[in-house]
Amino acid sequence: MGFAPEPPHAHDAAAKLGVLLVNLGTPAAPTTAAVRRYLAEFLSDRRVVEIPPAIWQPILQGVVLTTRPQASAKKYAKIWTKDGSPLALHSVRQRSLLMGMLGQRMKREGLPADHAQVELAMRYGEPSISAAIDRLRAAGATKLLVIPLYPQYSSSATASVLDAVAAHLATLRRAPALRFVDSFHDDAGYVKACAQNVNDYWTKHGRPEHLVLSFHGVPRRTLDRGDPYHCQCHATSRLVARELGLEARQWTIAFQSRFGRAEWLKPYTADVLATLGAAKLSRVDVFCPGFVSDCLETLEEIGIEGRATFRKAGGGDLHAIPCLNTHSRWIAALADLAWKNLAGWLDPVPSAEERELRLARAKALGAKR
């Protein structure tokens, strides 16, 4: 097997650090064709659907991809903005803000502001993980920190990112040093950012009678087989509720986005909202700590479908609290997380004289640059 060509190397250039943010992904457009392409990649991942391909692929190609894309495209159209996908827009801004904040910290440490390069990738769709890694390598990064933007670890999301990173590194002649953040569900900065985000919303819009903390669901069998996702969601919920000063009766954890007939983690968000609606609560708020960017699951599934479920059951109003998005407390927490995981890699940059000496030695050995 051949390996991909290496970026041009200059012996007098200082090595840089690479930080790769990875989110789930989004269709390129709210159309049936674009959604079909996205779902085909997403639902073909063995981490996402743990059914043998010989059984699953005929179902996927023959049933799922002929019926689901059109319905999903209509949902995407409801939340699409004039500038594109909300998830993509928030993710791009997060990357830009993180790069700026890391640059400021680098300068305080006596390092160049661009010593840490930050790129964004999507696990499915564009920009791809392989292309983002190649951009970091082309910028001179020889050490790579990967931060999946999933606070709670799950095999179907977090481990899938590691699979994709490892698959691309296997094609390189010089693989960078690698660090990987597997979760940050109990990180103090993240927890405080969630609580501050909720409190900021309540300061503007008043407080609800009840708060639902809704997480993306996964099949129940993943818990039985040792996936820590369920436990980490509960840990995050307890920590956020405690930071908010809520009593047990004032909040509920729930799991949304169920797909298929198998049992998933319970309680289901739709069932919780129906129960709260039947109790005639005048207002319920829903916050989704597992999503750091607003997307289809928060804007449409909670903000539109969830509100309809709550009201139909007899409830009053449902507020979908925005995700962390570009909240200043979250960006600071993300920078802290990156900085902590870059520890030990923040070596002094060689002086100009040292770089000249390196170049002279390399040329003496036959190097061209």
Protein backbone atom coordinates (compact mmCIF):
# COMPACT_ATOMS: atom_id res chain seq x y z
CA MET A 1 0.00 0.00 0.00
CA GLY A 2 1.30 3.45 -0.87
CA PHE A 3 1.16 6.36 1.53
CA ALA A 4 -0.11 9.87 0.91
CA PRO A 5 2.56 12.43 -0.02
CA GLU A 6 3.88 14.43 2.90
CA PRO A 7 3.51 18.23 3.00
CA PRO A 8 6.67 20.16 2.02
CA HIS A 9 9.07 20.19 4.95
CA ALA A 10 11.35 23.08 5.89
CA HIS A 11 14.08 22.28 8.40
CA ASP A 12 14.10 25.85 9.68
CA ALA A 13 10.34 25.92 10.38
CA ALA A 14 9.02 25.55 13.93
CA ALA A 15 6.62 22.66 14.47
CA LYS A 16 3.08 23.60 15.47
CA LEU A 17 0.26 21.98 17.38
CA GLY A 18 -3.00 20.93 15.78
CA VAL A 19 -6.41 20.99 17.49
CA LEU A 20 -9.22 19.22 15.67
CA LEU A 21 -12.83 19.86 16.70
CA VAL A 22 -15.25 17.22 15.40
CA ASN A 23 -19.02 17.47 15.38
CA LEU A 24 -21.51 14.95 14.02
CA GLY A 25 -22.31 16.57 10.70
CA THR A 26 -25.18 17.92 8.66
CA PRO A 27 -26.64 17.54 5.18
CA ALA A 28 -25.30 20.06 2.69
CA ALA A 29 -28.84 21.29 1.99
CA PRO A 30 -32.41 20.67 3.23
CA THR A 31 -33.21 18.57 0.17
CA THR A 32 -34.16 14.91 -0.23
CA ALA A 33 -31.01 14.15 -2.26
CA ALA A 34 -28.65 15.85 0.21
CA VAL A 35 -30.30 14.21 3.21
CA ARG A 36 -30.15 10.82 1.49
CA ARG A 37 -26.39 11.18 0.95
CA TYR A 38 -25.90 12.21 4.56
CA LEU A 39 -28.03 9.41 5.99
CA ALA A 40 -26.39 6.82 3.75
CA GLU A 41 -22.98 7.66 5.24
CA PHE A 42 -24.28 8.04 8.79
CA LEU A 43 -26.37 4.87 8.90
CA SER A 44 -23.68 2.77 7.21
CA ASP A 45 -21.33 3.31 10.15
CA ARG A 46 -20.97 0.03 12.08
CA ARG A 47 -20.67 2.08 15.27
CA VAL A 48 -24.08 3.67 14.67
CA VAL A 49 -25.99 0.58 13.61
CA GLU A 50 -24.59 -2.59 15.16
CA ILE A 51 -26.49 -4.93 12.85
CA PRO A 52 -24.40 -7.13 10.52
CA PRO A 53 -24.15 -5.35 7.14
CA ALA A 54 -25.50 -8.40 5.30
CA ILE A 55 -28.76 -7.91 7.20
CA TRP A 56 -28.77 -4.12 7.60
CA GLN A 57 -27.71 -2.88 4.15
CA PRO A 58 -30.73 -4.33 2.28
CA ILE A 59 -32.99 -2.68 4.86
CA LEU A 60 -31.08 0.59 4.63
CA GLN A 61 -30.97 0.72 0.84
CA GLY A 62 -34.37 -0.79 0.21
CA VAL A 63 -36.50 0.84 2.89
CA VAL A 64 -34.83 3.52 5.03
CA LEU A 65 -33.16 5.53 2.26
CA THR A 66 -36.27 5.44 0.08
CA THR A 67 -38.65 6.74 2.76
CA ARG A 68 -36.81 8.68 5.45
CA PRO A 69 -34.85 11.32 3.45
CA GLN A 70 -37.94 13.13 2.16
CA ALA A 71 -39.51 13.38 5.60
CA SER A 72 -36.20 14.44 7.19
CA ALA A 73 -35.60 17.04 4.49
CA LYS A 74 -38.91 18.72 5.36
CA LYS A 75 -37.80 18.91 9.00
CA TYR A 76 -34.42 20.37 8.06
CA ALA A 77 -36.18 22.98 5.92
CA LYS A 78 -37.99 24.24 9.03
CA ILE A 79 -34.75 25.08 10.86
CA TRP A 80 -32.46 25.99 7.94
CA THR A 81 -31.18 29.57 7.90
CA LYS A 82 -30.33 31.87 4.99
CA ASP A 83 -26.66 31.12 5.76
CA GLY A 84 -27.10 27.36 5.93
CA SER A 85 -27.21 24.64 8.58
CA PRO A 86 -27.40 25.93 12.17
CA LEU A 87 -25.08 23.18 13.38
CA ALA A 88 -22.48 24.06 10.77
CA LEU A 89 -22.71 27.79 11.46
CA HIS A 90 -22.31 27.42 15.22
CA SER A 91 -19.47 24.93 14.79
CA VAL A 92 -17.55 27.26 12.47
CA ARG A 93 -17.90 30.10 14.96
CA GLN A 94 -16.78 27.86 17.83
CA ARG A 95 -13.65 26.95 15.89
CA SER A 96 -12.88 30.60 15.13
CA LEU A 97 -13.42 31.74 18.72
CA LEU A 98 -11.37 28.88 20.13
CA MET A 99 -8.47 29.66 17.80
CA GLY A 100 -8.53 33.29 18.92
CA MET A 101 -8.61 32.41 22.59
CA LEU A 102 -5.80 29.86 22.25
CA GLY A 103 -3.79 32.43 20.32
CA GLN A 104 -4.08 34.88 23.23
CA ARG A 105 -2.93 32.23 25.68
CA MET A 106 -0.01 31.26 23.47
CA LYS A 107 1.21 34.86 23.42
CA ARG A 108 1.00 35.05 27.20
CA GLU A 109 3.25 31.98 27.31
CA GLY A 110 5.77 33.64 25.01
CA LEU A 111 4.74 31.51 22.03
CA PRO A 112 3.52 32.68 18.60
CA ALA A 113 -0.22 33.26 18.42
CA ASP A 114 -0.49 30.70 15.62
CA HIS A 115 1.46 28.01 17.48
CA ALA A 116 -1.79 26.02 17.82
CA GLN A 117 -3.80 25.66 14.64
CA VAL A 118 -7.50 24.81 15.00
CA GLU A 119 -9.59 23.03 12.39
CA LEU A 120 -13.20 21.86 12.30
CA ALA A 121 -14.41 18.57 10.85
CA MET A 122 -17.67 16.67 10.64
CA ARG A 123 -17.83 12.94 11.21
CA TYR A 124 -20.30 12.69 8.33
CA GLY A 125 -20.37 15.10 5.44
CA GLU A 126 -18.09 18.10 5.00
CA PRO A 127 -15.55 19.26 6.04
CA SER A 128 -14.20 15.73 6.38
CA ILE A 129 -11.90 14.53 9.13
CA SER A 130 -9.23 13.48 6.64
CA ALA A 131 -9.21 16.87 4.90
CA ALA A 132 -9.06 18.74 8.23
CA ILE A 133 -6.12 16.64 9.43
CA ASP A 134 -4.30 17.28 6.16
CA ARG A 135 -4.83 21.04 6.54
CA LEU A 136 -3.32 20.90 10.02
CA ARG A 137 -0.34 18.92 8.73
CA ALA A 138 0.14 21.36 5.86
CA ALA A 139 0.19 24.19 8.43
CA GLY A 140 3.09 22.46 10.19
CA ALA A 141 1.30 20.56 12.96
CA THR A 142 3.19 17.48 14.11
CA LYS A 143 1.09 16.87 17.22
CA LEU A 144 -2.68 16.46 17.07
CA LEU A 145 -5.31 16.94 19.78
CA VAL A 146 -8.75 15.65 18.77
CA ILE A 147 -11.79 16.98 20.66
CA PRO A 148 -15.08 15.37 19.64
CA LEU A 149 -17.82 17.85 20.51
CA TYR A 150 -19.76 15.17 22.39
CA PRO A 151 -19.59 15.82 26.14
CA GLN A 152 -20.74 12.28 27.01
CA TYR A 153 -18.88 9.28 25.59
CA SER A 154 -20.75 6.85 23.38
CA SER A 155 -19.44 4.19 21.07
CA SER A 156 -21.78 5.35 18.31
CA ALA A 157 -20.44 8.93 18.35
CA THR A 158 -17.14 9.37 20.18
CA ALA A 159 -15.52 6.08 19.20
CA SER A 160 -16.64 6.58 15.61
CA VAL A 161 -14.56 9.78 15.49
CA LEU A 162 -11.51 7.87 16.72
CA ASP A 163 -12.14 5.23 14.05
CA ALA A 164 -12.13 7.89 11.33
CA VAL A 165 -9.03 9.62 12.68
CA ALA A 166 -7.15 6.31 12.95
CA ALA A 167 -8.22 5.30 9.44
CA HIS A 168 -6.74 8.47 7.98
CA LEU A 169 -3.55 8.30 10.03
CA ALA A 170 -3.05 4.80 8.65
CA THR A 171 -2.65 6.34 5.19
CA LEU A 172 0.15 8.72 6.25
CA ARG A 173 3.87 8.15 6.16
CA ARG A 174 4.40 10.42 9.16
CA ALA A 175 1.51 10.15 11.56
CA PRO A 176 1.34 12.99 14.10
CA ALA A 177 1.51 12.41 17.84
CA LEU A 178 -2.10 11.94 18.96
CA ARG A 179 -4.19 12.86 21.97
CA PHE A 180 -7.93 12.25 22.12
CA VAL A 181 -10.53 13.68 24.52
CA ASP A 182 -12.99 10.85 25.07
CA SER A 183 -15.49 12.87 27.16
CA PHE A 184 -15.88 15.99 29.25
CA HIS A 185 -19.26 15.22 30.83
CA ASP A 186 -18.13 16.23 34.33
CA ASP A 187 -15.66 18.95 33.38
CA ALA A 188 -16.23 21.86 35.76
CA GLY A 189 -16.00 24.50 33.02
CA TYR A 190 -18.51 22.69 30.81
CA VAL A 191 -20.95 22.15 33.70
CA LYS A 192 -20.75 25.78 34.78
CA ALA A 193 -21.21 26.90 31.16
CA CYS A 194 -24.40 24.82 30.90
CA ALA A 195 -25.75 26.26 34.12
CA GLN A 196 -24.82 29.83 33.18
CA ASN A 197 -26.46 29.40 29.78
CA VAL A 198 -29.70 28.26 31.43
CA ASN A 199 -29.56 31.02 34.05
CA ASP A 200 -28.97 33.65 31.38
CA TYR A 201 -32.07 32.44 29.56
CA TRP A 202 -34.11 32.49 32.75
CA THR A 203 -32.94 36.01 33.55
CA LYS A 204 -34.43 37.19 30.24
CA HIS A 205 -37.52 34.99 30.06
CA GLY A 206 -38.40 34.01 33.62
CA ARG A 207 -38.29 30.55 35.17
CA PRO A 208 -40.42 27.50 34.28
CA GLU A 209 -42.33 25.17 36.57
CA HIS A 210 -40.09 22.31 35.49
CA LEU A 211 -36.83 21.75 33.61
CA VAL A 212 -36.22 18.76 31.33
CA LEU A 213 -32.59 17.86 30.54
CA SER A 214 -32.85 15.95 27.29
CA PHE A 215 -30.04 13.88 25.75
CA HIS A 216 -29.80 12.04 22.46
CA GLY A 217 -30.94 8.46 22.95
CA VAL A 218 -29.06 5.24 22.19
CA PRO A 219 -30.29 1.64 22.20
CA ARG A 220 -30.66 0.12 25.68
CA ARG A 221 -28.41 -2.79 24.71
CA THR A 222 -25.41 -0.45 24.52
CA LEU A 223 -25.75 0.16 28.26
CA ASP A 224 -26.04 -3.56 28.91
CA ARG A 225 -22.84 -4.10 26.92
CA GLY A 226 -20.82 -1.58 28.90
CA ASP A 227 -21.20 1.78 27.13
CA PRO A 228 -20.81 4.55 29.79
CA TYR A 229 -23.10 7.00 27.97
CA HIS A 230 -26.14 6.48 30.19
CA CYS A 231 -24.15 6.95 33.40
CA GLN A 232 -22.36 10.03 32.08
CA CYS A 233 -25.66 11.67 31.04
CA HIS A 234 -26.98 11.15 34.55
CA ALA A 235 -23.76 12.54 36.04
CA THR A 236 -23.96 15.65 33.86
CA SER A 237 -27.61 16.17 34.79
CA ARG A 238 -26.93 15.93 38.51
CA LEU A 239 -24.03 18.36 38.28
CA VAL A 240 -25.95 20.91 36.18
CA ALA A 241 -29.02 20.67 38.43
CA ARG A 242 -26.84 21.16 41.49
CA GLU A 243 -25.13 24.15 39.89
CA LEU A 244 -28.58 25.61 39.18
CA GLY A 245 -29.68 24.97 42.77
CA LEU A 246 -32.60 22.76 41.70
CA GLU A 247 -34.28 20.19 43.88
CA ALA A 248 -34.99 16.69 42.53
CA ARG A 249 -38.68 17.49 41.97
CA GLN A 250 -37.83 20.47 39.76
CA TRP A 251 -36.08 18.64 36.94
CA THR A 252 -36.15 15.43 34.92
CA ILE A 253 -33.65 13.66 32.68
CA ALA A 254 -34.94 12.24 29.39
CA PHE A 255 -33.68 10.76 26.11
CA GLN A 256 -34.86 11.76 22.65
CA SER A 257 -34.39 10.81 18.97
CA ARG A 258 -35.42 7.17 19.22
CA PHE A 259 -35.18 5.24 15.94
CA GLY A 260 -36.53 1.77 15.19
CA ARG A 261 -38.50 -0.66 17.35
CA ALA A 262 -35.82 -1.71 19.85
CA GLU A 263 -35.88 -0.39 23.40
CA TRP A 264 -33.76 2.72 23.88
CA LEU A 265 -32.65 4.52 27.01
CA LYS A 266 -35.60 5.70 29.07
CA PRO A 267 -37.50 7.79 29.93
CA TYR A 268 -38.27 8.96 26.41
CA THR A 269 -38.44 12.74 26.09
CA ALA A 270 -41.78 12.63 24.26
CA ASP A 271 -43.32 10.57 27.08
CA VAL A 272 -41.95 12.93 29.74
CA LEU A 273 -43.36 15.97 27.94
CA ALA A 274 -46.75 14.27 27.54
CA THR A 275 -46.83 13.46 31.26
CA LEU A 276 -45.89 17.01 32.23
CA GLY A 277 -48.50 18.36 29.84
CA ALA A 278 -51.16 16.09 31.32
CA ALA A 279 -50.24 17.52 34.73
CA LYS A 280 -51.36 20.92 33.34
CA LEU A 281 -48.03 22.65 33.92
CA SER A 282 -48.13 26.16 32.53
CA ARG A 283 -44.52 26.16 31.38
CA VAL A 284 -41.75 23.61 30.89
CA ASP A 285 -38.24 24.39 29.65
CA VAL A 286 -36.04 21.87 27.84
CA PHE A 287 -32.26 22.12 27.71
CA CYS A 288 -30.04 19.65 25.85
CA PRO A 289 -26.61 19.42 27.55
CA GLY A 290 -25.40 16.71 25.16
CA PHE A 291 -25.56 19.05 22.15
CA VAL A 292 -23.07 21.92 22.15
CA SER A 293 -24.64 23.39 19.00
CA ASP A 294 -28.28 23.83 18.06
CA CYS A 295 -29.30 21.43 15.33
CA LEU A 296 -32.26 19.44 14.00
CA GLU A 297 -32.63 17.53 17.27
CA THR A 298 -32.90 20.67 19.39
CA LEU A 299 -34.58 23.17 17.08
CA GLU A 300 -37.11 20.89 15.38
CA GLU A 301 -37.48 17.81 17.57
CA ILE A 302 -37.68 19.79 20.82
CA GLY A 303 -38.62 23.31 19.71
CA ILE A 304 -41.39 22.25 17.32
CA GLU A 305 -42.39 18.61 17.89
CA GLY A 306 -41.73 18.68 21.63
CA ARG A 307 -43.76 21.84 22.09
CA ALA A 308 -46.65 20.32 20.14
CA THR A 309 -46.54 17.14 22.26
CA PHE A 310 -46.57 19.13 25.50
CA ARG A 311 -49.44 21.37 24.44
CA LYS A 312 -51.52 18.54 22.99
CA ALA A 313 -51.31 16.73 26.34
CA GLY A 314 -52.73 19.78 28.12
CA GLY A 315 -49.63 21.81 28.97
CA GLY A 316 -49.13 25.51 28.47
CA ASP A 317 -45.90 26.71 26.87
CA LEU A 318 -42.62 24.91 26.22
CA HIS A 319 -39.36 26.83 25.89
CA ALA A 320 -36.43 25.19 24.10
CA ILE A 321 -33.39 26.79 25.73
CA PRO A 322 -30.64 27.37 23.14
CA CYS A 323 -27.58 25.13 23.26
CA LEU A 324 -24.20 26.41 24.37
CA ASN A 325 -23.42 27.57 20.80
CA THR A 326 -21.01 30.51 21.19
CA HIS A 327 -21.75 31.39 24.82
CA SER A 328 -18.61 33.04 26.20
CA ARG A 329 -18.52 30.71 29.22
CA TRP A 330 -18.58 27.68 26.89
CA ILE A 331 -15.82 28.98 24.62
CA ALA A 332 -13.69 29.65 27.70
CA ALA A 333 -14.40 26.13 28.96
CA LEU A 334 -13.50 24.69 25.56
CA ALA A 335 -10.24 26.64 25.58
CA ASP A 336 -9.49 25.37 29.10
CA LEU A 337 -10.18 21.82 27.96
CA ALA A 338 -7.86 22.17 24.99
CA TRP A 339 -5.14 23.88 27.04
CA LYS A 340 -5.24 21.18 29.70
CA ASN A 341 -4.88 18.45 27.09
CA LEU A 342 -2.06 20.28 25.32
CA ALA A 343 -0.01 20.23 28.54
CA GLY A 344 3.49 18.94 27.95
CA TRP A 345 3.36 19.89 24.28
CA LEU A 346 3.89 23.62 24.86
CA ASP A 347 7.66 23.56 24.37
CA PRO A 348 9.50 26.81 23.62
CA VAL A 349 9.72 27.62 19.94
CA PRO A 350 13.33 27.40 18.69
CA SER A 351 15.00 30.77 18.16
CA ALA A 352 15.85 32.03 14.68
CA GLU A 353 19.50 31.15 15.29
CA GLU A 354 18.57 27.59 16.29
CA ARG A 355 16.43 27.19 13.19
CA GLU A 356 19.22 28.48 10.97
CA LEU A 357 21.58 25.97 12.55
CA ARG A 358 19.10 23.15 11.92
CA LEU A 359 18.80 24.19 8.29
CA ALA A 360 22.57 24.34 7.84
CA ARG A 361 22.98 20.85 9.30
CA ALA A 362 20.18 19.48 7.11
CA LYS A 363 21.70 20.99 3.97
CA ALA A 364 25.07 19.53 4.89
CA LEU A 365 23.36 16.14 4.87
CA GLY A 366 21.83 16.78 1.44
CA ALA A 367 18.49 18.40 2.27
CA LYS A 368 17.18 20.99 -0.19
CA ARG A 369 15.42 23.18 2.38
